[in-house]
C-alpha atoms as a PDB file:
ATOM      1  CA  MET A   1      -0.064   0.160  -0.172  1.00  0.00           C
ATOM      2  CA  THR A   2       2.143   2.601  -0.945  1.00  0.00           C
ATOM      3  CA  PHE A   3      -0.097   5.670   0.297  1.00  0.00           C
ATOM      4  CA  VAL A   4       0.447   4.078   3.480  1.00  0.00           C
ATOM      5  CA  THR A   5       4.599   3.791   3.193  1.00  0.00           C
ATOM      6  CA  ASN A   6       5.219   6.495   0.997  1.00  0.00           C
ATOM      7  CA  LYS A   7       6.166   9.995   2.614  1.00  0.00           C
ATOM      8  CA  GLN A   8       5.142  12.117  -0.145  1.00  0.00           C
ATOM      9  CA  GLU A   9       2.080   9.959  -0.842  1.00  0.00           C
ATOM     10  CA  ARG A  10       1.149  10.967   2.845  1.00  0.00           C
ATOM     11  CA  ILE A  11       1.829  14.966   2.191  1.00  0.00           C
ATOM     12  CA  ARG A  12       0.206  15.065  -1.157  1.00  0.00           C
ATOM     13  CA  PHE A  13      -2.894  13.596   1.191  1.00  0.00           C
ATOM     14  CA  LEU A  14      -2.142  16.272   4.157  1.00  0.00           C
ATOM     15  CA  LYS A  15      -2.172  18.965   1.360  1.00  0.00           C
ATOM     16  CA  PHE A  16      -5.087  17.771  -0.265  1.00  0.00           C
ATOM     17  CA  ALA A  17      -7.539  17.400   3.616  1.00  0.00           C
ATOM     18  CA  PHE A  18      -6.064  20.592   3.617  1.00  0.00           C
ATOM     19  CA  VAL A  19      -7.250  21.941   0.137  1.00  0.00           C
ATOM     20  CA  GLY A  20     -10.621  20.111   1.067  1.00  0.00           C
ATOM     21  CA  VAL A  21     -11.161  22.213   4.407  1.00  0.00           C
ATOM     22  CA  THR A  22     -10.783  25.528   2.449  1.00  0.00           C
ATOM     23  CA  GLY A  23     -13.210  24.314  -0.056  1.00  0.00           C
ATOM     24  CA  THR A  24     -15.536  23.924   2.500  1.00  0.00           C
ATOM     25  CA  ILE A  25     -15.142  27.323   3.969  1.00  0.00           C
ATOM     26  CA  VAL A  26     -15.625  28.494   0.763  1.00  0.00           C
ATOM     27  CA  ASP A  27     -18.726  26.054   0.097  1.00  0.00           C
ATOM     28  CA  PHE A  28     -20.406  26.973   3.385  1.00  0.00           C
ATOM     29  CA  GLY A  29     -19.048  30.984   3.110  1.00  0.00           C
ATOM     30  CA  LEU A  30     -20.774  31.516  -0.568  1.00  0.00           C
ATOM     31  CA  MET A  31     -23.885  29.348   0.285  1.00  0.00           C
ATOM     32  CA  ASN A  32     -24.526  31.765   3.173  1.00  0.00           C
ATOM     33  CA  LEU A  33     -23.696  34.571   1.384  1.00  0.00           C
ATOM     34  CA  LEU A  34     -26.099  33.984  -1.395  1.00  0.00           C
ATOM     35  CA  ARG A  35     -29.115  33.071   0.778  1.00  0.00           C
ATOM     36  CA  LEU A  36     -28.646  36.135   3.694  1.00  0.00           C
ATOM     37  CA  ALA A  37     -27.562  39.003   1.263  1.00  0.00           C
ATOM     38  CA  PHE A  38     -29.176  38.101  -1.771  1.00  0.00           C
ATOM     39  CA  ASN A  39     -32.153  35.691  -0.981  1.00  0.00           C
ATOM     40  CA  ILE A  40     -31.296  33.414  -3.630  1.00  0.00           C
ATOM     41  CA  PRO A  41     -33.177  30.049  -3.151  1.00  0.00           C
ATOM     42  CA  LEU A  42     -30.867  27.297  -1.374  1.00  0.00           C
ATOM     43  CA  ILE A  43     -31.466  25.260  -4.129  1.00  0.00           C
ATOM     44  CA  TRP A  44     -29.434  27.558  -6.425  1.00  0.00           C
ATOM     45  CA  ALA A  45     -26.982  28.935  -3.453  1.00  0.00           C
ATOM     46  CA  GLN A  46     -25.681  25.490  -2.741  1.00  0.00           C
ATOM     47  CA  ALA A  47     -25.606  25.172  -6.646  1.00  0.00           C
ATOM     48  CA  ILE A  48     -23.270  27.468  -6.931  1.00  0.00           C
ATOM     49  CA  SER A  49     -21.256  27.518  -4.004  1.00  0.00           C
ATOM     50  CA  PHE A  50     -20.416  23.498  -4.327  1.00  0.00           C
ATOM     51  CA  THR A  51     -19.567  24.714  -8.238  1.00  0.00           C
ATOM     52  CA  VAL A  52     -17.076  27.586  -7.042  1.00  0.00           C
ATOM     53  CA  ALA A  53     -15.922  24.671  -3.719  1.00  0.00           C
ATOM     54  CA  VAL A  54     -14.758  22.618  -6.548  1.00  0.00           C
ATOM     55  CA  PHE A  55     -13.024  25.066  -8.557  1.00  0.00           C
ATOM     56  CA  ASN A  56     -11.516  26.132  -5.553  1.00  0.00           C
ATOM     57  CA  ASN A  57     -10.226  23.128  -4.673  1.00  0.00           C
ATOM     58  CA  PHE A  58      -9.580  22.210  -8.078  1.00  0.00           C
ATOM     59  CA  LEU A  59      -6.751  24.864  -8.734  1.00  0.00           C
ATOM     60  CA  TRP A  60      -5.288  24.551  -4.832  1.00  0.00           C
ATOM     61  CA  ASN A  61      -4.777  20.857  -5.509  1.00  0.00           C
ATOM     62  CA  ARG A  62      -3.403  21.965  -9.798  1.00  0.00           C
ATOM     63  CA  PHE A  63      -0.672  24.461  -8.097  1.00  0.00           C
ATOM     64  CA  TRP A  64      -0.085  23.158  -4.881  1.00  0.00           C
ATOM     65  CA  THR A  65      -1.012  19.549  -4.242  1.00  0.00           C
ATOM     66  CA  TYR A  66       0.326  18.354  -7.750  1.00  0.00           C
ATOM     67  CA  PRO A  67       1.982  20.882  -8.892  1.00  0.00           C
ATOM     68  CA  ASP A  68       3.830  18.867 -11.455  1.00  0.00           C
ATOM     69  CA  SER A  69       0.993  17.513 -12.957  1.00  0.00           C
ATOM     70  CA  ARG A  70       0.941  19.642 -16.124  1.00  0.00           C
ATOM     71  CA  SER A  71       0.918  16.645 -19.260  1.00  0.00           C
ATOM     72  CA  LYS A  72      -2.953  16.713 -19.225  1.00  0.00           C
ATOM     73  CA  ALA A  73      -4.615  19.856 -20.373  1.00  0.00           C
ATOM     74  CA  ALA A  74      -6.038  22.062 -17.452  1.00  0.00           C
ATOM     75  CA  HIS A  75      -9.674  21.984 -18.772  1.00  0.00           C
ATOM     76  CA  ARG A  76      -9.506  17.900 -19.116  1.00  0.00           C
ATOM     77  CA  GLN A  77      -8.349  17.612 -15.409  1.00  0.00           C
ATOM     78  CA  LEU A  78     -11.191  19.789 -14.480  1.00  0.00           C
ATOM     79  CA  ILE A  79     -13.580  17.691 -15.820  1.00  0.00           C
ATOM     80  CA  GLN A  80     -12.222  14.432 -14.372  1.00  0.00           C
ATOM     81  CA  PHE A  81     -12.361  16.582 -10.789  1.00  0.00           C
ATOM     82  CA  PHE A  82     -15.268  17.453 -11.132  1.00  0.00           C
ATOM     83  CA  LEU A  83     -16.903  14.406 -12.405  1.00  0.00           C
ATOM     84  CA  ILE A  84     -15.326  12.747  -9.254  1.00  0.00           C
ATOM     85  CA  ASN A  85     -16.636  15.506  -7.010  1.00  0.00           C
ATOM     86  CA  LEU A  86     -20.035  14.858  -8.853  1.00  0.00           C
ATOM     87  CA  VAL A  87     -19.902  10.848  -7.777  1.00  0.00           C
ATOM     88  CA  GLY A  88     -18.837  12.226  -4.260  1.00  0.00           C
ATOM     89  CA  ILE A  89     -22.110  14.341  -3.636  1.00  0.00           C
ATOM     90  CA  ALA A  90     -23.792  11.703  -5.122  1.00  0.00           C
ATOM     91  CA  VAL A  91     -22.721   9.016  -2.317  1.00  0.00           C
ATOM     92  CA  ARG A  92     -22.940  11.775   0.645  1.00  0.00           C
ATOM     93  CA  THR A  93     -26.236  12.639   0.112  1.00  0.00           C
ATOM     94  CA  PRO A  94     -27.976   9.395   0.885  1.00  0.00           C
ATOM     95  CA  LEU A  95     -24.816   8.223   3.409  1.00  0.00           C
ATOM     96  CA  ILE A  96     -25.740  11.089   5.121  1.00  0.00           C
ATOM     97  CA  THR A  97     -29.620  10.257   5.308  1.00  0.00           C
ATOM     98  CA  TRP A  98     -29.090   6.826   6.576  1.00  0.00           C
ATOM     99  CA  LEU A  99     -26.342   7.759   8.949  1.00  0.00           C
ATOM    100  CA  ASP A 100     -28.234  10.494  10.608  1.00  0.00           C
ATOM    101  CA  LYS A 101     -31.723   7.829  10.924  1.00  0.00           C
ATOM    102  CA  VAL A 102     -29.138   5.186  12.865  1.00  0.00           C
ATOM    103  CA  LEU A 103     -27.676   7.496  14.698  1.00  0.00           C
ATOM    104  CA  LEU A 104     -30.538  10.195  16.032  1.00  0.00           C
ATOM    105  CA  GLY A 105     -32.264   6.541  16.711  1.00  0.00           C
ATOM    106  CA  MET A 106     -29.483   5.470  19.024  1.00  0.00           C
ATOM    107  CA  LEU A 107     -29.476   8.693  20.494  1.00  0.00           C
ATOM    108  CA  ASP A 108     -33.368   8.946  21.339  1.00  0.00           C
ATOM    109  CA  ARG A 109     -32.852   5.295  22.951  1.00  0.00           C
ATOM    110  CA  SER A 110     -29.534   6.344  25.419  1.00  0.00           C
ATOM    111  CA  THR A 111     -30.186   7.613  28.644  1.00  0.00           C
ATOM    112  CA  LEU A 112     -27.837  10.604  28.104  1.00  0.00           C
ATOM    113  CA  THR A 113     -28.196  13.952  28.477  1.00  0.00           C
ATOM    114  CA  LEU A 114     -26.548  16.873  25.714  1.00  0.00           C
ATOM    115  CA  PRO A 115     -26.697  20.055  25.946  1.00  0.00           C
ATOM    116  CA  LEU A 116     -27.868  19.998  22.079  1.00  0.00           C
ATOM    117  CA  GLU A 117     -30.947  18.442  20.479  1.00  0.00           C
ATOM    118  CA  ASN A 118     -30.218  14.986  19.595  1.00  0.00           C
ATOM    119  CA  PHE A 119     -31.241  15.757  15.910  1.00  0.00           C
ATOM    120  CA  VAL A 120     -28.364  18.707  15.621  1.00  0.00           C
ATOM    121  CA  ILE A 121     -25.635  16.088  17.358  1.00  0.00           C
ATOM    122  CA  SER A 122     -26.780  13.147  14.701  1.00  0.00           C
ATOM    123  CA  GLN A 123     -26.781  15.299  11.702  1.00  0.00           C
ATOM    124  CA  ASN A 124     -23.328  17.049  12.175  1.00  0.00           C
ATOM    125  CA  LEU A 125     -21.639  13.714  13.236  1.00  0.00           C
ATOM    126  CA  ALA A 126     -23.398  12.042   9.889  1.00  0.00           C
ATOM    127  CA  LEU A 127     -22.060  15.147   7.702  1.00  0.00           C
ATOM    128  CA  ALA A 128     -18.766  14.478  10.041  1.00  0.00           C
ATOM    129  CA  CYS A 129     -19.018  10.749   8.942  1.00  0.00           C
ATOM    130  CA  SER A 130     -19.959  11.127   5.482  1.00  0.00           C
ATOM    131  CA  VAL A 131     -16.845  14.074   4.644  1.00  0.00           C
ATOM    132  CA  GLY A 132     -14.630  11.451   6.039  1.00  0.00           C
ATOM    133  CA  VAL A 133     -15.239   9.053   3.701  1.00  0.00           C
ATOM    134  CA  ILE A 134     -15.980  10.959   0.742  1.00  0.00           C
ATOM    135  CA  MET A 135     -12.817  12.822   1.418  1.00  0.00           C
ATOM    136  CA  LEU A 136     -10.933   9.433   0.860  1.00  0.00           C
ATOM    137  CA  TRP A 137     -12.941   8.539  -2.084  1.00  0.00           C
ATOM    138  CA  ASN A 138     -11.876  11.984  -3.951  1.00  0.00           C
ATOM    139  CA  PHE A 139      -8.371  11.582  -2.402  1.00  0.00           C
ATOM    140  CA  PHE A 140      -7.426   8.448  -4.435  1.00  0.00           C
ATOM    141  CA  ALA A 141     -10.169   8.652  -7.212  1.00  0.00           C
ATOM    142  CA  ASN A 142      -8.534  12.303  -7.901  1.00  0.00           C
ATOM    143  CA  ARG A 143      -4.396  10.554  -7.471  1.00  0.00           C
ATOM    144  CA  TYR A 144      -5.182   7.656  -9.911  1.00  0.00           C
ATOM    145  CA  TRP A 145      -7.235   9.252 -12.321  1.00  0.00           C
ATOM    146  CA  THR A 146      -6.451  13.532 -12.744  1.00  0.00           C
ATOM    147  CA  TYR A 147      -3.624  13.358 -11.267  1.00  0.00           C
ATOM    148  CA  SER A 148      -2.286  10.095 -12.867  1.00  0.00           C
ATOM    149  CA  ASP A 149       0.493  11.695 -14.713  1.00  0.00           C
ATOM    150  CA  VAL A 150       2.120  12.300 -11.226  1.00  0.00           C
ATOM    151  CA  PRO A 151       4.259   9.126 -10.493  1.00  0.00           C
ATOM    152  CA  VAL A 152       3.568   7.675  -7.080  1.00  0.00           C
ATOM    153  CA  GLY A 153       6.124   8.748  -4.662  1.00  0.00           C
ATOM    154  CA  ALA A 154       7.355  11.656  -6.874  1.00  0.00           C
ATOM    155  CA  GLU A 155       8.325  14.700  -5.139  1.00  0.00           C
ATOM    156  CA  VAL A 156       4.961  16.722  -4.048  1.00  0.00           C
ATOM    157  CA  ASN A 157       7.088  19.850  -4.101  1.00  0.00           C
ATOM    158  CA  GLY A 158       7.935  20.261  -7.800  1.00  0.00           C
ATOM    159  CA  SER A 159      11.011  20.198  -7.715  1.00  0.00           C
ATOM    160  CA  ARG A 160      11.524  16.618  -9.595  1.00  0.00           C
ATOM    161  CA  LYS A 161      14.271  17.317 -12.541  1.00  0.00           C
ATOM    162  CA  ASN A 162      12.986  17.747 -15.986  1.00  0.00           C
ATOM    163  CA  PRO A 163      13.747  14.226 -17.719  1.00  0.00           C
ATOM    164  CA  THR A 164      14.478  16.230 -21.241  1.00  0.00           C
ATOM    165  CA  ASN A 165      16.727  18.612 -19.349  1.00  0.00           C
ATOM    166  CA  THR A 166      20.578  17.383 -19.638  1.00  0.00           C
ATOM    167  CA  THR A 167      21.941  20.571 -18.060  1.00  0.00           C
ATOM    168  CA  GLY A 168      19.878  19.236 -14.891  1.00  0.00           C
ATOM    169  CA  GLU A 169      18.355  22.440 -14.095  1.00  0.00           C
ATOM    170  CA  ILE A 170      14.329  22.432 -12.589  1.00  0.00           C
ATOM    171  CA  GLY A 171      11.818  21.996 -15.226  1.00  0.00           C
ATOM    172  CA  ARG A 172       9.420  24.721 -14.571  1.00  0.00           C
ATOM    173  CA  ALA A 173       5.499  23.431 -14.656  1.00  0.00           C
ATOM    174  CA  HIS A 174       3.154  25.530 -17.226  1.00  0.00           C
ATOM    175  CA  VAL A 175      -0.314  25.423 -17.540  1.00  0.00           C
END
């Protein structure tokens, strides 16, 4: 299992996870801005915020997580990245619903006294679990499809030497 044994892949995963946090901030922030400041219906606000967050994550991943991924055209990688995210949201939606029902049932049967309503706890736990599952899907699917042009274990900082460069200079990345 290369991911576990290869330091470069672990660093790449941590960068990917950090980028995911920025995407979450963009998604929630823009959705709330569109809803509260412009009164855009939720269905449209979340669709717009999701799309902008995916684009944000793509740019950060292309230039920071996978800076040496340049043998594929950017528009092709963007389409691949977006398709993987669509699969992720399609899996996340029913997963959250199912987990929420299971967790809410457990909490309702519990004799614990909690500081929040059971439905608030169950929804947030369901979201947290779902985000974790989908993050793994997104990372591995993008690693082996969208960014397949980066050899496994390649340096994360993009400082690989250009294989066609005989002077030993570091090759420049082009978009």
